[in-house]
Amino acid sequence: MYLPKGQPMIHHSPKSQPNQGAKGGIAIILCPKMMESWKRGGIIIRQGGETAGETTRLLSVDIKIKTVVRAKTKSKFKHLRLTLMTSYHPTSRYLDKDASNFNQQVSTMLNLIPTKQLSS
């Protein structure tokens, strides 16, 4: 889905909202420069957590950032991975066990993020 100025809106739920259950959701909106970096990084999208009404509470994307590494004699470019993650934590109306379960799901999602940086 794209916004009027062409920015991608990466949303975690189905194209249409369900009649019952979870509605709305979370999204990540990228500026044009970050969109290009996201494409360079392989258009990685991760969703996690329990599914309710075809929506989840966790969403992440990988951005491939070009950085300059300065050495004594010359500088070179290196690509680093930046992972953006957003979540919708259960509110205080949920039971403590539900909040703890969600926190475990966040931990599981974080473990899916590669620790190895990208090659140049």
C-alpha atoms as a PDB file:
ATOM      1  CA  MET A   1       0.000   0.000   0.000  1.00  0.00           C
ATOM      2  CA  TYR A   2       1.286   3.471  -0.870  1.00  0.00           C
ATOM      3  CA  LEU A   3       0.363   6.837   0.587  1.00  0.00           C
ATOM      4  CA  PRO A   4      -0.557   9.808  -1.643  1.00  0.00           C
ATOM      5  CA  LYS A   5       3.068  11.027  -1.952  1.00  0.00           C
ATOM      6  CA  GLY A   6       4.290   7.552  -2.911  1.00  0.00           C
ATOM      7  CA  GLN A   7       5.691   6.470   0.444  1.00  0.00           C
ATOM      8  CA  PRO A   8       5.158   2.785   1.141  1.00  0.00           C
ATOM      9  CA  MET A   9       3.007   1.911   4.132  1.00  0.00           C
ATOM     10  CA  ILE A  10       4.069  -1.514   5.289  1.00  0.00           C
ATOM     11  CA  HIS A  11       1.105  -2.819   7.234  1.00  0.00           C
ATOM     12  CA  HIS A  12       0.793  -6.063   9.160  1.00  0.00           C
ATOM     13  CA  SER A  13      -2.839  -6.894   8.530  1.00  0.00           C
ATOM     14  CA  PRO A  14      -4.948  -8.114   5.612  1.00  0.00           C
ATOM     15  CA  LYS A  15      -5.932  -5.791   2.767  1.00  0.00           C
ATOM     16  CA  SER A  16      -9.440  -5.397   4.235  1.00  0.00           C
ATOM     17  CA  GLN A  17     -10.445  -5.250   7.892  1.00  0.00           C
ATOM     18  CA  PRO A  18     -12.237  -8.272   9.397  1.00  0.00           C
ATOM     19  CA  ASN A  19     -15.875  -7.947  10.495  1.00  0.00           C
ATOM     20  CA  GLN A  20     -15.034  -9.259  13.968  1.00  0.00           C
ATOM     21  CA  GLY A  21     -11.879  -9.366  16.049  1.00  0.00           C
ATOM     22  CA  ALA A  22      -8.798  -7.199  15.816  1.00  0.00           C
ATOM     23  CA  LYS A  23      -8.985  -4.169  13.543  1.00  0.00           C
ATOM     24  CA  GLY A  24      -6.586  -1.384  12.689  1.00  0.00           C
ATOM     25  CA  GLY A  25      -3.045  -2.354  13.420  1.00  0.00           C
ATOM     26  CA  ILE A  26       0.517  -1.193  13.155  1.00  0.00           C
ATOM     27  CA  ALA A  27       2.484   0.052  10.180  1.00  0.00           C
ATOM     28  CA  ILE A  28       5.887   1.351   9.157  1.00  0.00           C
ATOM     29  CA  ILE A  29       5.999   4.297   6.738  1.00  0.00           C
ATOM     30  CA  LEU A  30       9.259   4.955   4.899  1.00  0.00           C
ATOM     31  CA  CYS A  31      10.460   8.169   3.266  1.00  0.00           C
ATOM     32  CA  PRO A  32      11.633   7.795  -0.369  1.00  0.00           C
ATOM     33  CA  LYS A  33      15.320   7.530   0.633  1.00  0.00           C
ATOM     34  CA  MET A  34      14.593   4.803   3.195  1.00  0.00           C
ATOM     35  CA  MET A  35      12.345   3.034   0.681  1.00  0.00           C
ATOM     36  CA  GLU A  36      15.326   2.735  -1.704  1.00  0.00           C
ATOM     37  CA  SER A  37      17.481   1.422   1.158  1.00  0.00           C
ATOM     38  CA  TRP A  38      14.744  -1.069   2.046  1.00  0.00           C
ATOM     39  CA  LYS A  39      14.672  -2.298  -1.563  1.00  0.00           C
ATOM     40  CA  ARG A  40      18.494  -2.630  -1.557  1.00  0.00           C
ATOM     41  CA  GLY A  41      18.175  -4.703   1.621  1.00  0.00           C
ATOM     42  CA  GLY A  42      15.915  -7.245  -0.103  1.00  0.00           C
ATOM     43  CA  ILE A  43      12.454  -5.955   0.949  1.00  0.00           C
ATOM     44  CA  ILE A  44      12.570  -7.943   4.196  1.00  0.00           C
ATOM     45  CA  ILE A  45       9.347  -7.874   6.252  1.00  0.00           C
ATOM     46  CA  ARG A  46       8.896  -9.863   9.458  1.00  0.00           C
ATOM     47  CA  GLN A  47       5.608 -10.290  11.282  1.00  0.00           C
ATOM     48  CA  GLY A  48       5.321 -11.942  14.637  1.00  0.00           C
ATOM     49  CA  GLY A  49       3.235 -12.674  17.651  1.00  0.00           C
ATOM     50  CA  GLU A  50      -0.136 -14.302  17.895  1.00  0.00           C
ATOM     51  CA  THR A  51      -2.553 -13.793  15.045  1.00  0.00           C
ATOM     52  CA  ALA A  52      -5.957 -12.278  15.789  1.00  0.00           C
ATOM     53  CA  GLY A  53      -8.271 -11.493  12.896  1.00  0.00           C
ATOM     54  CA  GLU A  54      -5.347 -12.021  10.481  1.00  0.00           C
ATOM     55  CA  THR A  55      -3.350  -9.269  12.206  1.00  0.00           C
ATOM     56  CA  THR A  56      -0.283  -9.523  14.401  1.00  0.00           C
ATOM     57  CA  ARG A  57       1.161  -7.168  16.990  1.00  0.00           C
ATOM     58  CA  LEU A  58       4.768  -7.183  15.727  1.00  0.00           C
ATOM     59  CA  LEU A  59       6.256  -5.877  12.495  1.00  0.00           C
ATOM     60  CA  SER A  60       9.829  -5.257  11.346  1.00  0.00           C
ATOM     61  CA  VAL A  61      11.696  -4.335   8.171  1.00  0.00           C
ATOM     62  CA  ASP A  62      15.401  -4.343   7.276  1.00  0.00           C
ATOM     63  CA  ILE A  63      17.020  -1.261   5.765  1.00  0.00           C
ATOM     64  CA  LYS A  64      20.417  -1.503   4.028  1.00  0.00           C
ATOM     65  CA  ILE A  65      22.377   1.603   5.033  1.00  0.00           C
ATOM     66  CA  LYS A  66      25.463   2.704   3.107  1.00  0.00           C
ATOM     67  CA  THR A  67      28.086   4.097   5.500  1.00  0.00           C
ATOM     68  CA  VAL A  68      31.605   5.426   5.130  1.00  0.00           C
ATOM     69  CA  VAL A  69      34.412   3.677   6.974  1.00  0.00           C
ATOM     70  CA  ARG A  70      37.386   5.972   7.369  1.00  0.00           C
ATOM     71  CA  ALA A  71      40.856   4.477   7.428  1.00  0.00           C
ATOM     72  CA  LYS A  72      44.192   6.280   7.850  1.00  0.00           C
ATOM     73  CA  THR A  73      44.912   6.283   4.126  1.00  0.00           C
ATOM     74  CA  LYS A  74      41.474   6.193   2.475  1.00  0.00           C
ATOM     75  CA  SER A  75      37.776   5.794   3.069  1.00  0.00           C
ATOM     76  CA  LYS A  76      35.526   3.032   1.798  1.00  0.00           C
ATOM     77  CA  PHE A  77      31.828   2.309   1.801  1.00  0.00           C
ATOM     78  CA  LYS A  78      30.271  -0.434   3.888  1.00  0.00           C
ATOM     79  CA  HIS A  79      26.642  -1.550   4.076  1.00  0.00           C
ATOM     80  CA  LEU A  80      25.039  -2.042   7.461  1.00  0.00           C
ATOM     81  CA  ARG A  81      21.654  -3.510   8.310  1.00  0.00           C
ATOM     82  CA  LEU A  82      19.230  -1.376  10.284  1.00  0.00           C
ATOM     83  CA  THR A  83      16.156  -3.228  11.499  1.00  0.00           C
ATOM     84  CA  LEU A  84      13.086  -1.133  12.302  1.00  0.00           C
ATOM     85  CA  MET A  85      10.558  -2.848  14.542  1.00  0.00           C
ATOM     86  CA  THR A  86       7.218  -1.683  15.847  1.00  0.00           C
ATOM     87  CA  SER A  87       4.776  -3.347  18.190  1.00  0.00           C
ATOM     88  CA  TYR A  88       1.360  -2.925  19.719  1.00  0.00           C
ATOM     89  CA  HIS A  89       1.683  -4.041  23.336  1.00  0.00           C
ATOM     90  CA  PRO A  90      -1.413  -5.357  25.131  1.00  0.00           C
ATOM     91  CA  THR A  91      -3.037  -2.642  27.229  1.00  0.00           C
ATOM     92  CA  SER A  92      -3.402  -2.692  31.015  1.00  0.00           C
ATOM     93  CA  ARG A  93      -6.836  -4.298  30.552  1.00  0.00           C
ATOM     94  CA  TYR A  94      -5.096  -7.551  29.591  1.00  0.00           C
ATOM     95  CA  LEU A  95      -4.086 -10.130  32.181  1.00  0.00           C
ATOM     96  CA  ASP A  96      -0.454 -10.166  33.325  1.00  0.00           C
ATOM     97  CA  LYS A  97       0.013 -13.593  31.728  1.00  0.00           C
ATOM     98  CA  ASP A  98      -1.071 -12.142  28.348  1.00  0.00           C
ATOM     99  CA  ALA A  99       1.432  -9.290  28.676  1.00  0.00           C
ATOM    100  CA  SER A 100       4.181 -11.751  29.678  1.00  0.00           C
ATOM    101  CA  ASN A 101       3.294 -13.965  26.719  1.00  0.00           C
ATOM    102  CA  PHE A 102       3.528 -10.953  24.402  1.00  0.00           C
ATOM    103  CA  ASN A 103       6.921 -10.000  25.864  1.00  0.00           C
ATOM    104  CA  GLN A 104       8.128 -13.515  25.070  1.00  0.00           C
ATOM    105  CA  GLN A 105       6.861 -13.103  21.496  1.00  0.00           C
ATOM    106  CA  VAL A 106       8.861  -9.859  21.214  1.00  0.00           C
ATOM    107  CA  SER A 107      11.948 -11.730  22.394  1.00  0.00           C
ATOM    108  CA  THR A 108      11.331 -14.472  19.826  1.00  0.00           C
ATOM    109  CA  MET A 109      10.943 -11.853  17.077  1.00  0.00           C
ATOM    110  CA  LEU A 110      14.174 -10.124  18.110  1.00  0.00           C
ATOM    111  CA  ASN A 111      15.965 -13.464  17.829  1.00  0.00           C
ATOM    112  CA  LEU A 112      14.886 -13.668  14.153  1.00  0.00           C
ATOM    113  CA  ILE A 113      16.873 -10.524  13.318  1.00  0.00           C
ATOM    114  CA  PRO A 114      20.210 -11.535  11.785  1.00  0.00           C
ATOM    115  CA  THR A 115      23.229 -10.526  13.845  1.00  0.00           C
ATOM    116  CA  LYS A 116      25.640 -10.735  10.937  1.00  0.00           C
ATOM    117  CA  GLN A 117      26.032  -7.484   9.053  1.00  0.00           C
ATOM    118  CA  LEU A 118      25.626  -7.246   5.298  1.00  0.00           C
ATOM    119  CA  SER A 119      28.584  -7.522   2.978  1.00  0.00           C
ATOM    120  CA  SER A 120      29.654  -4.398   1.131  1.00  0.00           C
END
